[in-house]
Amino acid sequence: MPLFEVAILDVPTKKEVEEGTGKERLAFGPVFVVAKDSQAAAMRAVMDNQADMAKVNHDRMQVLVRPFA
């Protein structure tokens, strides 16, 4: 199975961007995950790190996955 690198960003709301107070921030990662595809890698990273995910607003999170090569 291939190796993937996964990171999670906390993305600001439109209102925060308009007001100039919102900035993207790295909420989690990057971590390395072995999975069959990028979707499985994203799910595995989120599910395996539930304690860290409790701090992130799930409506505003963006999961970034790329193959490690």
N, C-alpha and C. Protein backbone atom coordinates (compact mmCIF):
# COMPACT_ATOMS: atom_id res chain seq x y z
N MET A 1 0.85 -1.18 0.00
CA MET A 1 0.00 0.00 0.00
C MET A 1 0.89 1.24 0.00
N PRO A 2 0.42 2.30 -0.64
CA PRO A 2 1.22 3.52 -0.73
C PRO A 2 1.19 4.35 0.56
N LEU A 3 2.15 5.23 0.64
CA LEU A 3 2.31 6.13 1.78
C LEU A 3 1.78 7.51 1.40
N PHE A 4 1.02 8.14 2.31
CA PHE A 4 0.45 9.47 2.10
C PHE A 4 0.84 10.40 3.23
N GLU A 5 0.88 11.68 2.93
CA GLU A 5 1.11 12.72 3.92
C GLU A 5 -0.21 13.48 4.09
N VAL A 6 -0.68 13.62 5.34
CA VAL A 6 -1.97 14.23 5.61
C VAL A 6 -1.80 15.39 6.59
N ALA A 7 -2.45 16.52 6.28
CA ALA A 7 -2.47 17.68 7.18
C ALA A 7 -3.89 18.24 7.19
N ILE A 8 -4.24 18.90 8.28
CA ILE A 8 -5.58 19.48 8.41
C ILE A 8 -5.44 20.96 8.72
N LEU A 9 -6.14 21.78 7.90
CA LEU A 9 -6.15 23.22 8.09
C LEU A 9 -7.47 23.64 8.71
N ASP A 10 -7.41 24.66 9.56
CA ASP A 10 -8.60 25.31 10.09
C ASP A 10 -8.80 26.55 9.23
N VAL A 11 -9.86 26.56 8.43
CA VAL A 11 -10.11 27.63 7.47
C VAL A 11 -11.04 28.66 8.09
N PRO A 12 -10.75 29.97 7.92
CA PRO A 12 -11.61 31.00 8.50
C PRO A 12 -12.94 31.11 7.76
N THR A 13 -13.94 31.66 8.43
CA THR A 13 -15.23 31.91 7.79
C THR A 13 -15.12 33.11 6.86
N LYS A 14 -16.10 33.29 5.99
CA LYS A 14 -16.11 34.44 5.08
C LYS A 14 -16.13 35.75 5.88
N LYS A 15 -16.88 35.77 6.97
CA LYS A 15 -16.97 36.97 7.80
C LYS A 15 -15.60 37.32 8.38
N GLU A 16 -14.87 36.31 8.88
CA GLU A 16 -13.54 36.56 9.44
C GLU A 16 -12.58 37.07 8.37
N VAL A 17 -12.69 36.54 7.16
CA VAL A 17 -11.83 36.99 6.07
C VAL A 17 -12.13 38.44 5.72
N GLU A 18 -13.42 38.77 5.63
CA GLU A 18 -13.83 40.14 5.30
C GLU A 18 -13.37 41.14 6.36
N GLU A 19 -13.41 40.73 7.62
CA GLU A 19 -12.99 41.61 8.71
C GLU A 19 -11.48 41.67 8.85
N GLY A 20 -10.79 40.77 8.19
CA GLY A 20 -9.33 40.74 8.27
C GLY A 20 -8.80 40.04 9.50
N THR A 21 -9.66 39.35 10.23
CA THR A 21 -9.22 38.67 11.45
C THR A 21 -8.96 37.18 11.24
N GLY A 22 -9.43 36.63 10.13
CA GLY A 22 -9.31 35.21 9.90
C GLY A 22 -8.12 34.84 9.05
N LYS A 23 -7.40 33.83 9.49
CA LYS A 23 -6.28 33.30 8.74
C LYS A 23 -6.32 31.78 8.84
N GLU A 24 -5.87 31.13 7.78
CA GLU A 24 -5.76 29.68 7.84
C GLU A 24 -4.68 29.31 8.83
N ARG A 25 -4.90 28.23 9.56
CA ARG A 25 -3.88 27.76 10.49
C ARG A 25 -3.79 26.25 10.39
N LEU A 26 -2.61 25.76 10.63
CA LEU A 26 -2.39 24.31 10.63
C LEU A 26 -2.95 23.76 11.93
N ALA A 27 -3.99 22.97 11.84
CA ALA A 27 -4.64 22.42 13.02
C ALA A 27 -4.06 21.07 13.43
N PHE A 28 -3.53 20.35 12.45
CA PHE A 28 -3.04 19.01 12.74
C PHE A 28 -2.08 18.57 11.63
N GLY A 29 -1.02 17.89 12.03
CA GLY A 29 -0.14 17.27 11.06
C GLY A 29 1.04 18.14 10.68
N PRO A 30 1.71 17.78 9.67
CA PRO A 30 1.46 16.64 8.79
C PRO A 30 1.86 15.31 9.44
N VAL A 31 1.10 14.29 9.09
CA VAL A 31 1.39 12.93 9.54
C VAL A 31 1.47 12.02 8.32
N PHE A 32 2.14 10.90 8.49
CA PHE A 32 2.26 9.93 7.41
C PHE A 32 1.33 8.77 7.67
N VAL A 33 0.63 8.34 6.62
CA VAL A 33 -0.37 7.28 6.74
C VAL A 33 -0.19 6.31 5.57
N VAL A 34 -0.26 5.03 5.88
CA VAL A 34 -0.26 4.00 4.85
C VAL A 34 -1.71 3.61 4.61
N ALA A 35 -2.16 3.74 3.36
CA ALA A 35 -3.55 3.43 3.02
C ALA A 35 -3.65 3.06 1.55
N LYS A 36 -4.82 2.52 1.17
CA LYS A 36 -4.98 2.08 -0.21
C LYS A 36 -5.17 3.24 -1.19
N ASP A 37 -5.75 4.37 -0.72
CA ASP A 37 -5.93 5.54 -1.58
C ASP A 37 -5.98 6.80 -0.72
N SER A 38 -6.08 7.96 -1.36
CA SER A 38 -6.02 9.23 -0.62
C SER A 38 -7.23 9.41 0.30
N GLN A 39 -8.39 8.95 -0.12
CA GLN A 39 -9.59 9.08 0.72
C GLN A 39 -9.45 8.24 2.00
N ALA A 40 -8.95 7.04 1.85
CA ALA A 40 -8.73 6.18 3.02
C ALA A 40 -7.66 6.77 3.93
N ALA A 41 -6.65 7.41 3.36
CA ALA A 41 -5.61 8.05 4.17
C ALA A 41 -6.19 9.20 4.99
N ALA A 42 -7.05 10.00 4.38
CA ALA A 42 -7.68 11.11 5.10
C ALA A 42 -8.54 10.59 6.25
N MET A 43 -9.35 9.58 5.98
CA MET A 43 -10.21 9.02 7.02
C MET A 43 -9.39 8.42 8.16
N ARG A 44 -8.34 7.72 7.81
CA ARG A 44 -7.51 7.08 8.83
C ARG A 44 -6.83 8.12 9.72
N ALA A 45 -6.31 9.19 9.12
CA ALA A 45 -5.65 10.23 9.90
C ALA A 45 -6.62 10.89 10.88
N VAL A 46 -7.83 11.17 10.42
CA VAL A 46 -8.83 11.80 11.28
C VAL A 46 -9.29 10.84 12.38
N MET A 47 -9.59 9.61 12.01
CA MET A 47 -10.10 8.65 12.99
C MET A 47 -9.05 8.23 14.01
N ASP A 48 -7.80 8.11 13.60
CA ASP A 48 -6.74 7.68 14.51
C ASP A 48 -6.31 8.77 15.48
N ASN A 49 -6.72 10.01 15.23
CA ASN A 49 -6.28 11.13 16.06
C ASN A 49 -7.47 11.93 16.59
N GLN A 50 -8.43 11.22 17.14
CA GLN A 50 -9.66 11.85 17.64
C GLN A 50 -9.39 12.87 18.74
N ALA A 51 -8.40 12.66 19.58
CA ALA A 51 -8.10 13.61 20.65
C ALA A 51 -7.69 14.96 20.07
N ASP A 52 -6.89 14.95 19.02
CA ASP A 52 -6.47 16.20 18.38
C ASP A 52 -7.61 16.82 17.59
N MET A 53 -8.50 16.01 17.06
CA MET A 53 -9.62 16.50 16.24
C MET A 53 -10.68 17.20 17.09
N ALA A 54 -10.70 16.95 18.38
CA ALA A 54 -11.69 17.59 19.25
C ALA A 54 -11.51 19.10 19.30
N LYS A 55 -10.30 19.58 19.02
CA LYS A 55 -10.01 21.02 19.06
C LYS A 55 -10.39 21.73 17.76
N VAL A 56 -10.71 20.98 16.72
CA VAL A 56 -10.96 21.56 15.40
C VAL A 56 -12.45 21.60 15.11
N ASN A 57 -12.92 22.75 14.62
CA ASN A 57 -14.31 22.88 14.19
C ASN A 57 -14.46 22.10 12.89
N HIS A 58 -15.23 21.03 12.90
CA HIS A 58 -15.32 20.14 11.75
C HIS A 58 -15.96 20.81 10.53
N ASP A 59 -16.75 21.85 10.74
CA ASP A 59 -17.35 22.56 9.62
C ASP A 59 -16.32 23.41 8.88
N ARG A 60 -15.24 23.74 9.55
CA ARG A 60 -14.24 24.63 8.96
C ARG A 60 -12.93 23.92 8.63
N MET A 61 -12.85 22.63 8.82
CA MET A 61 -11.57 21.97 8.58
C MET A 61 -11.44 21.54 7.12
N GLN A 62 -10.22 21.60 6.64
CA GLN A 62 -9.90 21.17 5.29
C GLN A 62 -8.79 20.13 5.40
N VAL A 63 -9.07 18.93 4.91
CA VAL A 63 -8.11 17.84 4.98
C VAL A 63 -7.31 17.81 3.67
N LEU A 64 -6.01 17.92 3.79
CA LEU A 64 -5.12 17.92 2.63
C LEU A 64 -4.34 16.61 2.61
N VAL A 65 -4.35 15.93 1.47
CA VAL A 65 -3.67 14.65 1.34
C VAL A 65 -2.83 14.68 0.07
N ARG A 66 -1.61 14.19 0.20
CA ARG A 66 -0.78 14.03 -1.00
C ARG A 66 0.03 12.75 -0.88
N PRO A 67 0.27 12.13 -2.02
CA PRO A 67 1.09 10.91 -1.99
C PRO A 67 2.52 11.26 -1.64
N PHE A 68 3.15 10.42 -0.87
CA PHE A 68 4.53 10.63 -0.49
C PHE A 68 5.39 9.87 -1.50
N ALA A 69 6.09 10.64 -2.30
CA ALA A 69 6.94 9.99 -3.31
C ALA A 69 8.20 10.76 -3.53
